[in-house]
């Protein structure tokens, strides 16, 4: 995790999804099973920062960096904590976003960074290759969180718990 938080407030998942979708960018800062088959995710909001000046640009590519606007977490950014409980978990994948494809028809989703799929190739794959289906253990849901360096897909039977917080310490810079 980037930092501990002063305050972490659990919100209804729909509100958490809306708040995540308000962000311009997200970094996945922690992805792990916090218990057997319970997936915990920490996402840090990131924003465009002020243009890089000559003093900040260093190294062999310094001249190319002048005027660029880094995407970083700052003191105004929020942290999002998502918990997918083991009693509802079917599968999850973590993809290097450089290799991800934007969903194409017949896939359908709502949301920007927190995507909720009504139809997806991953849902079809899950039903074809596992015992999980709409009948057992229940209606399958596909959530996708699109971050700057990762795309995280979760197949489950219930939405995640979501909490929102603010960093307590100086934000980390992720390159």
Protein backbone atom coordinates (compact mmCIF):
# COMPACT_ATOMS: atom_id res chain seq x y z
CA UNK A 1 0.00 0.00 0.00
CA UNK A 2 1.11 3.54 -0.62
CA UNK A 3 0.02 4.83 2.77
CA UNK A 4 -2.24 4.26 5.71
CA UNK A 5 -5.29 6.47 5.84
CA UNK A 6 -6.56 8.99 8.35
CA UNK A 7 -10.10 7.87 7.68
CA UNK A 8 -11.57 5.05 5.67
CA UNK A 9 -15.33 5.19 5.09
CA UNK A 10 -17.30 2.29 3.67
CA UNK A 11 -19.82 3.42 1.07
CA UNK A 12 -22.51 1.53 -0.83
CA UNK A 13 -20.84 -0.22 -3.76
CA UNK A 14 -22.80 1.82 -6.34
CA UNK A 15 -21.53 5.05 -4.72
CA UNK A 16 -17.99 3.66 -4.63
CA UNK A 17 -18.21 2.77 -8.33
CA UNK A 18 -19.44 6.30 -9.10
CA UNK A 19 -16.59 7.86 -7.11
CA UNK A 20 -14.03 5.68 -8.90
CA UNK A 21 -15.53 6.68 -12.25
CA UNK A 22 -15.08 10.37 -11.29
CA UNK A 23 -11.30 9.84 -11.28
CA UNK A 24 -9.21 10.67 -14.31
CA UNK A 25 -6.64 7.97 -13.52
CA UNK A 26 -6.08 5.12 -11.06
CA UNK A 27 -3.02 3.20 -9.90
CA UNK A 28 -3.45 -0.30 -8.46
CA UNK A 29 -1.21 -0.05 -5.41
CA UNK A 30 -2.10 -3.34 -3.70
CA UNK A 31 -3.64 -6.49 -5.16
CA UNK A 32 -3.71 -9.54 -2.91
CA UNK A 33 -5.69 -12.28 -1.28
CA UNK A 34 -6.18 -11.02 2.25
CA UNK A 35 -7.61 -14.37 3.24
CA UNK A 36 -8.20 -17.55 1.32
CA UNK A 37 -10.16 -16.57 -1.83
CA UNK A 38 -10.89 -13.07 -0.50
CA UNK A 39 -9.49 -10.47 -2.89
CA UNK A 40 -8.39 -7.09 -1.53
CA UNK A 41 -7.59 -4.22 -3.89
CA UNK A 42 -6.23 -0.76 -3.11
CA UNK A 43 -6.49 1.86 -5.84
CA UNK A 44 -4.95 5.32 -5.65
CA UNK A 45 -6.47 8.17 -7.62
CA UNK A 46 -3.92 10.02 -9.77
CA UNK A 47 -4.06 13.35 -11.57
CA UNK A 48 -2.14 15.32 -14.16
CA UNK A 49 0.43 17.45 -12.38
CA UNK A 50 2.07 20.75 -13.33
CA UNK A 51 4.32 20.71 -16.40
CA UNK A 52 7.87 19.54 -15.75
CA UNK A 53 10.34 22.42 -15.81
CA UNK A 54 13.98 22.35 -16.81
CA UNK A 55 15.06 22.01 -13.15
CA UNK A 56 13.03 18.80 -12.64
CA UNK A 57 14.01 17.17 -15.94
CA UNK A 58 17.14 15.08 -15.47
CA UNK A 59 18.88 12.23 -17.22
CA UNK A 60 19.58 11.47 -20.87
CA UNK A 61 16.01 12.26 -21.96
CA UNK A 62 15.70 15.49 -19.96
CA UNK A 63 15.09 17.69 -22.99
CA UNK A 64 12.12 15.50 -23.98
CA UNK A 65 10.59 15.73 -20.50
CA UNK A 66 10.43 19.52 -20.29
CA UNK A 67 6.81 20.59 -20.48
CA UNK A 68 5.38 17.11 -19.92
CA UNK A 69 2.73 16.64 -17.25
CA UNK A 70 3.34 13.62 -15.03
CA UNK A 71 0.40 11.57 -13.78
CA UNK A 72 0.84 11.16 -10.03
CA UNK A 73 -0.99 10.85 -6.77
CA UNK A 74 -1.11 14.11 -4.79
CA UNK A 75 -2.58 15.28 -1.47
CA UNK A 76 -6.03 15.80 -3.05
CA UNK A 77 -6.29 12.23 -4.33
CA UNK A 78 -8.46 9.54 -2.79
CA UNK A 79 -7.69 5.92 -2.00
CA UNK A 80 -10.22 3.20 -2.79
CA UNK A 81 -10.34 -0.13 -1.00
CA UNK A 82 -12.30 -2.96 -2.63
CA UNK A 83 -13.04 -6.29 -1.01
CA UNK A 84 -14.42 -9.25 -2.96
CA UNK A 85 -15.54 -11.80 -0.36
CA UNK A 86 -14.66 -15.49 -0.68
CA UNK A 87 -18.31 -16.55 -0.44
CA UNK A 88 -18.97 -14.78 -3.77
CA UNK A 89 -15.60 -15.12 -5.55
CA UNK A 90 -15.31 -17.19 -8.73
CA UNK A 91 -12.13 -15.87 -10.38
CA UNK A 92 -9.96 -12.84 -10.95
CA UNK A 93 -7.26 -11.84 -13.38
CA UNK A 94 -4.65 -9.10 -13.28
CA UNK A 95 -3.48 -7.97 -16.71
CA UNK A 96 -0.61 -5.70 -17.73
CA UNK A 97 -2.68 -2.91 -19.28
CA UNK A 98 -0.27 -2.69 -22.21
CA UNK A 99 -1.72 -5.99 -23.45
CA UNK A 100 -5.37 -5.29 -22.75
CA UNK A 101 -7.94 -4.86 -25.49
CA UNK A 102 -10.77 -2.39 -25.14
CA UNK A 103 -14.02 -4.40 -24.98
CA UNK A 104 -15.65 -4.97 -28.38
CA UNK A 105 -19.15 -6.01 -29.41
CA UNK A 106 -20.93 -8.14 -28.31
CA UNK A 107 -19.35 -7.20 -24.95
CA UNK A 108 -21.37 -4.57 -23.09
CA UNK A 109 -20.52 -2.61 -19.94
CA UNK A 110 -21.34 0.53 -18.02
CA UNK A 111 -18.82 2.71 -16.21
CA UNK A 112 -15.50 4.34 -17.05
CA UNK A 113 -12.77 3.01 -14.73
CA UNK A 114 -15.09 0.77 -12.68
CA UNK A 115 -16.80 -1.27 -15.36
CA UNK A 116 -19.80 -3.51 -14.84
CA UNK A 117 -20.28 -5.97 -17.69
CA UNK A 118 -23.66 -7.33 -18.69
CA UNK A 119 -22.00 -9.43 -21.39
CA UNK A 120 -18.33 -10.30 -21.81
CA UNK A 121 -15.99 -12.87 -23.24
CA UNK A 122 -14.70 -13.53 -19.71
CA UNK A 123 -18.23 -14.36 -18.49
CA UNK A 124 -18.69 -16.72 -21.44
CA UNK A 125 -15.27 -18.29 -20.81
CA UNK A 126 -16.11 -18.79 -17.13
CA UNK A 127 -19.38 -20.53 -17.93
CA UNK A 128 -17.70 -22.74 -20.56
CA UNK A 129 -14.70 -23.78 -18.48
CA UNK A 130 -16.02 -24.01 -14.90
CA UNK A 131 -19.06 -25.28 -13.01
CA UNK A 132 -20.05 -21.67 -12.29
CA UNK A 133 -23.15 -20.47 -14.11
CA UNK A 134 -26.26 -18.40 -13.58
CA UNK A 135 -27.84 -21.39 -11.86
CA UNK A 136 -24.92 -22.24 -9.59
CA UNK A 137 -23.74 -20.60 -7.44
CA UNK A 138 -25.93 -17.73 -8.69
CA UNK A 139 -26.05 -14.98 -11.28
CA UNK A 140 -22.48 -14.25 -12.36
CA UNK A 141 -21.23 -10.66 -12.30
CA UNK A 142 -18.17 -9.28 -14.10
CA UNK A 143 -16.43 -6.22 -12.66
CA UNK A 144 -13.38 -4.64 -14.25
CA UNK A 145 -11.17 -1.93 -12.77
CA UNK A 146 -9.11 -0.15 -15.43
CA UNK A 147 -5.91 1.31 -13.96
CA UNK A 148 -2.89 2.95 -15.56
CA UNK A 149 -0.69 -0.15 -15.39
CA UNK A 150 -3.16 -2.93 -14.63
CA UNK A 151 -6.60 -4.11 -15.65
CA UNK A 152 -8.26 -6.22 -12.96
CA UNK A 153 -11.24 -8.42 -13.85
CA UNK A 154 -13.33 -10.17 -11.22
CA UNK A 155 -16.07 -12.75 -11.76
CA UNK A 156 -18.27 -13.13 -8.69
CA UNK A 157 -21.87 -13.43 -7.52
CA UNK A 158 -22.04 -10.21 -5.48
CA UNK A 159 -20.52 -6.73 -5.77
CA UNK A 160 -17.49 -5.76 -3.70
CA UNK A 161 -17.46 -3.81 -0.48
CA UNK A 162 -15.90 -0.40 -1.18
CA UNK A 163 -14.32 2.07 1.24
CA UNK A 164 -12.86 5.48 0.43
CA UNK A 165 -9.98 7.19 2.21
CA UNK A 166 -7.39 9.96 1.99
CA UNK A 167 -3.62 9.47 2.28
CA UNK A 168 -2.08 10.28 5.67
CA UNK A 169 1.50 10.45 4.49
CA UNK A 170 3.16 12.17 1.56
CA UNK A 171 1.94 10.46 -1.63
CA UNK A 172 4.22 8.10 -3.48
CA UNK A 173 5.26 8.85 -7.03
CA UNK A 174 4.61 5.95 -9.39
CA UNK A 175 6.58 6.05 -12.62
